[in-house]
Amino acid sequence: MFVKQTVCNIDIARSVVNTMRMKGDNNGVYLDFGRRFKVARDKNNVTQNEVAKRVGLSRTSITNIECGRQQVSLHVFLSLSKAVGVEPQQLLPNIDLICADDGKLKAEVKKQKLSKYEEAAVMRSIAKLKGEKA
């Protein structure tokens, strides 16, 4: 449980930082989309192989999408959301955070409804991902 929660905290931190990086950088959009897609896939207990078969892509493509290395067209985006059982808008990055300052980042982390310990862990992870001293 602890390891899974730690991974979740790191995912939240990466999502917040990657969304920040989107300003002038399309890679952040795909990183955040991939993370959101993976979270939805895991939450609905769908394997990469199952998604690949449903969408008509290879499992490697699904891995690359989840890692933000592969861009997807609109029709594939819609198929992916259907394959994992979520509405397409749930996979879209949070545009409000594109130009986020530290105060807005902290507010976003607070929205995750984490314990104080988890919140502190996420903020430390964000600082490390941003290259700041934690």
C-alpha atoms as a PDB file:
ATOM      1  CA  MET A   1       0.000   0.000   0.000  1.00  0.00           C
ATOM      2  CA  PHE A   2       2.788   2.423   0.923  1.00  0.00           C
ATOM      3  CA  VAL A   3       4.601   1.846  -2.378  1.00  0.00           C
ATOM      4  CA  LYS A   4       1.399   2.302  -4.391  1.00  0.00           C
ATOM      5  CA  GLN A   5       0.605   5.536  -2.508  1.00  0.00           C
ATOM      6  CA  THR A   6       4.149   6.799  -3.068  1.00  0.00           C
ATOM      7  CA  VAL A   7       3.851   6.084  -6.792  1.00  0.00           C
ATOM      8  CA  CYS A   8       0.509   7.903  -6.799  1.00  0.00           C
ATOM      9  CA  ASN A   9       2.108  10.907  -5.068  1.00  0.00           C
ATOM     10  CA  ILE A  10       4.882  10.950  -7.643  1.00  0.00           C
ATOM     11  CA  ASP A  11       2.291  10.725 -10.440  1.00  0.00           C
ATOM     12  CA  ILE A  12       0.419  13.701  -8.983  1.00  0.00           C
ATOM     13  CA  ALA A  13       3.648  15.672  -8.679  1.00  0.00           C
ATOM     14  CA  ARG A  14       4.700  14.823 -12.229  1.00  0.00           C
ATOM     15  CA  SER A  15       1.282  15.767 -13.539  1.00  0.00           C
ATOM     16  CA  VAL A  16       1.408  19.174 -11.875  1.00  0.00           C
ATOM     17  CA  VAL A  17       4.969  19.854 -13.047  1.00  0.00           C
ATOM     18  CA  ASN A  18       4.365  18.521 -16.565  1.00  0.00           C
ATOM     19  CA  THR A  19       1.290  20.689 -16.894  1.00  0.00           C
ATOM     20  CA  MET A  20       3.408  23.681 -15.847  1.00  0.00           C
ATOM     21  CA  ARG A  21       5.894  22.835 -18.579  1.00  0.00           C
ATOM     22  CA  MET A  22       3.196  22.988 -21.250  1.00  0.00           C
ATOM     23  CA  LYS A  23       3.734  26.713 -21.686  1.00  0.00           C
ATOM     24  CA  GLY A  24       5.370  26.748 -25.115  1.00  0.00           C
ATOM     25  CA  ASP A  25       6.138  23.025 -24.976  1.00  0.00           C
ATOM     26  CA  ASN A  26       3.799  20.516 -26.586  1.00  0.00           C
ATOM     27  CA  ASN A  27       5.609  17.617 -24.916  1.00  0.00           C
ATOM     28  CA  GLY A  28       4.037  18.544 -21.588  1.00  0.00           C
ATOM     29  CA  VAL A  29       0.583  18.134 -23.127  1.00  0.00           C
ATOM     30  CA  TYR A  30       1.388  14.595 -24.235  1.00  0.00           C
ATOM     31  CA  LEU A  31       3.074  13.720 -20.939  1.00  0.00           C
ATOM     32  CA  ASP A  32       0.007  14.818 -18.999  1.00  0.00           C
ATOM     33  CA  PHE A  33      -2.383  13.112 -21.430  1.00  0.00           C
ATOM     34  CA  GLY A  34      -0.366   9.889 -21.151  1.00  0.00           C
ATOM     35  CA  ARG A  35      -0.406  10.014 -17.362  1.00  0.00           C
ATOM     36  CA  ARG A  36      -4.144  10.650 -17.274  1.00  0.00           C
ATOM     37  CA  PHE A  37      -4.714   7.820 -19.744  1.00  0.00           C
ATOM     38  CA  LYS A  38      -2.609   5.390 -17.662  1.00  0.00           C
ATOM     39  CA  VAL A  39      -4.421   6.355 -14.454  1.00  0.00           C
ATOM     40  CA  ALA A  40      -7.801   5.768 -16.148  1.00  0.00           C
ATOM     41  CA  ARG A  41      -6.609   2.455 -17.607  1.00  0.00           C
ATOM     42  CA  ASP A  42      -5.306   1.230 -14.245  1.00  0.00           C
ATOM     43  CA  LYS A  43      -8.404   2.433 -12.385  1.00  0.00           C
ATOM     44  CA  ASN A  44     -10.626   0.465 -14.761  1.00  0.00           C
ATOM     45  CA  ASN A  45      -8.367  -2.620 -14.672  1.00  0.00           C
ATOM     46  CA  VAL A  46      -7.664  -2.635 -18.406  1.00  0.00           C
ATOM     47  CA  THR A  47      -4.302  -3.962 -19.596  1.00  0.00           C
ATOM     48  CA  GLN A  48      -2.182  -2.343 -22.266  1.00  0.00           C
ATOM     49  CA  ASN A  49      -2.765  -5.412 -24.449  1.00  0.00           C
ATOM     50  CA  GLU A  50      -6.538  -5.067 -24.091  1.00  0.00           C
ATOM     51  CA  VAL A  51      -6.412  -1.392 -25.042  1.00  0.00           C
ATOM     52  CA  ALA A  52      -4.141  -2.156 -28.001  1.00  0.00           C
ATOM     53  CA  LYS A  53      -6.589  -4.762 -29.336  1.00  0.00           C
ATOM     54  CA  ARG A  54      -9.614  -2.491 -28.829  1.00  0.00           C
ATOM     55  CA  VAL A  55      -7.971   0.459 -30.564  1.00  0.00           C
ATOM     56  CA  GLY A  56      -5.951  -1.357 -33.231  1.00  0.00           C
ATOM     57  CA  LEU A  57      -2.503  -0.305 -32.038  1.00  0.00           C
ATOM     58  CA  SER A  58       0.451  -2.276 -30.706  1.00  0.00           C
ATOM     59  CA  ARG A  59       1.059  -2.631 -26.975  1.00  0.00           C
ATOM     60  CA  THR A  60       4.310  -0.718 -27.520  1.00  0.00           C
ATOM     61  CA  SER A  61       2.304   2.196 -28.941  1.00  0.00           C
ATOM     62  CA  ILE A  62       0.132   2.208 -25.819  1.00  0.00           C
ATOM     63  CA  THR A  63       3.300   2.306 -23.682  1.00  0.00           C
ATOM     64  CA  ASN A  64       4.667   5.191 -25.763  1.00  0.00           C
ATOM     65  CA  ILE A  65       1.369   7.088 -25.459  1.00  0.00           C
ATOM     66  CA  GLU A  66       1.393   6.627 -21.671  1.00  0.00           C
ATOM     67  CA  CYS A  67       4.963   7.946 -21.516  1.00  0.00           C
ATOM     68  CA  GLY A  68       4.135  10.962 -23.697  1.00  0.00           C
ATOM     69  CA  ARG A  69       6.460   9.824 -26.495  1.00  0.00           C
ATOM     70  CA  GLN A  70       3.732   9.234 -29.079  1.00  0.00           C
ATOM     71  CA  GLN A  71       1.242  11.803 -30.261  1.00  0.00           C
ATOM     72  CA  VAL A  72      -2.272  10.658 -31.111  1.00  0.00           C
ATOM     73  CA  SER A  73      -4.785  11.821 -33.687  1.00  0.00           C
ATOM     74  CA  LEU A  74      -8.295  12.845 -32.702  1.00  0.00           C
ATOM     75  CA  HIS A  75      -9.952   9.578 -33.755  1.00  0.00           C
ATOM     76  CA  VAL A  76      -7.353   7.557 -31.799  1.00  0.00           C
ATOM     77  CA  PHE A  77      -7.835   9.865 -28.792  1.00  0.00           C
ATOM     78  CA  LEU A  78     -11.588   9.150 -28.848  1.00  0.00           C
ATOM     79  CA  SER A  79     -10.979   5.405 -29.253  1.00  0.00           C
ATOM     80  CA  LEU A  80      -8.540   5.403 -26.338  1.00  0.00           C
ATOM     81  CA  SER A  81     -11.025   7.097 -24.020  1.00  0.00           C
ATOM     82  CA  LYS A  82     -13.700   4.577 -25.001  1.00  0.00           C
ATOM     83  CA  ALA A  83     -11.282   1.652 -24.562  1.00  0.00           C
ATOM     84  CA  VAL A  84     -10.655   2.584 -20.917  1.00  0.00           C
ATOM     85  CA  GLY A  85     -14.251   3.597 -20.191  1.00  0.00           C
ATOM     86  CA  VAL A  86     -13.880   7.317 -19.522  1.00  0.00           C
ATOM     87  CA  GLU A  87     -15.203  10.494 -21.092  1.00  0.00           C
ATOM     88  CA  PRO A  88     -12.654  12.080 -23.467  1.00  0.00           C
ATOM     89  CA  GLN A  89     -12.472  15.304 -21.432  1.00  0.00           C
ATOM     90  CA  GLN A  90     -11.145  13.329 -18.446  1.00  0.00           C
ATOM     91  CA  LEU A  91      -7.960  12.681 -20.411  1.00  0.00           C
ATOM     92  CA  LEU A  92      -7.331  16.303 -21.360  1.00  0.00           C
ATOM     93  CA  PRO A  93      -4.648  18.287 -19.500  1.00  0.00           C
ATOM     94  CA  ASN A  94      -5.667  20.930 -16.971  1.00  0.00           C
ATOM     95  CA  ILE A  95      -5.195  24.063 -19.028  1.00  0.00           C
ATOM     96  CA  ASP A  96      -5.578  26.298 -15.948  1.00  0.00           C
ATOM     97  CA  LEU A  97      -2.184  25.134 -14.693  1.00  0.00           C
ATOM     98  CA  ILE A  98      -0.235  25.994 -17.831  1.00  0.00           C
ATOM     99  CA  CYS A  99       0.927  29.309 -16.389  1.00  0.00           C
ATOM    100  CA  ALA A 100       0.704  28.285 -12.752  1.00  0.00           C
ATOM    101  CA  ASP A 101       2.783  29.951 -10.099  1.00  0.00           C
ATOM    102  CA  ASP A 102       3.825  28.178  -6.889  1.00  0.00           C
ATOM    103  CA  GLY A 103       0.688  29.334  -5.057  1.00  0.00           C
ATOM    104  CA  LYS A 104      -1.532  27.831  -7.722  1.00  0.00           C
ATOM    105  CA  LEU A 105       0.486  24.607  -7.658  1.00  0.00           C
ATOM    106  CA  LYS A 106      -0.016  24.309  -3.907  1.00  0.00           C
ATOM    107  CA  ALA A 107      -3.742  24.907  -4.376  1.00  0.00           C
ATOM    108  CA  GLU A 108      -3.870  22.172  -7.024  1.00  0.00           C
ATOM    109  CA  VAL A 109      -2.097  19.744  -4.718  1.00  0.00           C
ATOM    110  CA  LYS A 110      -4.576  20.619  -1.924  1.00  0.00           C
ATOM    111  CA  LYS A 111      -7.448  19.712  -4.285  1.00  0.00           C
ATOM    112  CA  GLN A 112      -6.122  16.146  -4.341  1.00  0.00           C
ATOM    113  CA  LYS A 113      -7.399  15.729  -0.747  1.00  0.00           C
ATOM    114  CA  LEU A 114      -4.223  14.144   0.552  1.00  0.00           C
ATOM    115  CA  SER A 115      -3.091  13.792   4.141  1.00  0.00           C
ATOM    116  CA  LYS A 116      -0.599  16.392   5.368  1.00  0.00           C
ATOM    117  CA  TYR A 117       2.173  13.780   5.053  1.00  0.00           C
ATOM    118  CA  GLU A 118       1.166  12.914   1.470  1.00  0.00           C
ATOM    119  CA  GLU A 119       0.828  16.591   0.566  1.00  0.00           C
ATOM    120  CA  ALA A 120       4.337  17.285   1.862  1.00  0.00           C
ATOM    121  CA  ALA A 121       5.663  14.303  -0.107  1.00  0.00           C
ATOM    122  CA  VAL A 122       4.030  15.573  -3.296  1.00  0.00           C
ATOM    123  CA  MET A 123       5.439  19.078  -2.776  1.00  0.00           C
ATOM    124  CA  ARG A 124       8.928  17.599  -2.226  1.00  0.00           C
ATOM    125  CA  SER A 125       8.506  15.564  -5.417  1.00  0.00           C
ATOM    126  CA  ILE A 126       7.423  18.669  -7.335  1.00  0.00           C
ATOM    127  CA  ALA A 127      10.451  20.573  -6.065  1.00  0.00           C
ATOM    128  CA  LYS A 128      12.757  17.748  -7.180  1.00  0.00           C
ATOM    129  CA  LEU A 129      11.086  17.507 -10.591  1.00  0.00           C
ATOM    130  CA  LYS A 130      11.480  21.267 -11.032  1.00  0.00           C
ATOM    131  CA  GLY A 131      15.141  20.977 -10.055  1.00  0.00           C
ATOM    132  CA  GLU A 132      14.706  22.897  -6.823  1.00  0.00           C
ATOM    133  CA  LYS A 133      16.143  21.929  -3.449  1.00  0.00           C
ATOM    134  CA  ALA A 134      13.508  19.880  -1.591  1.00  0.00           C
END
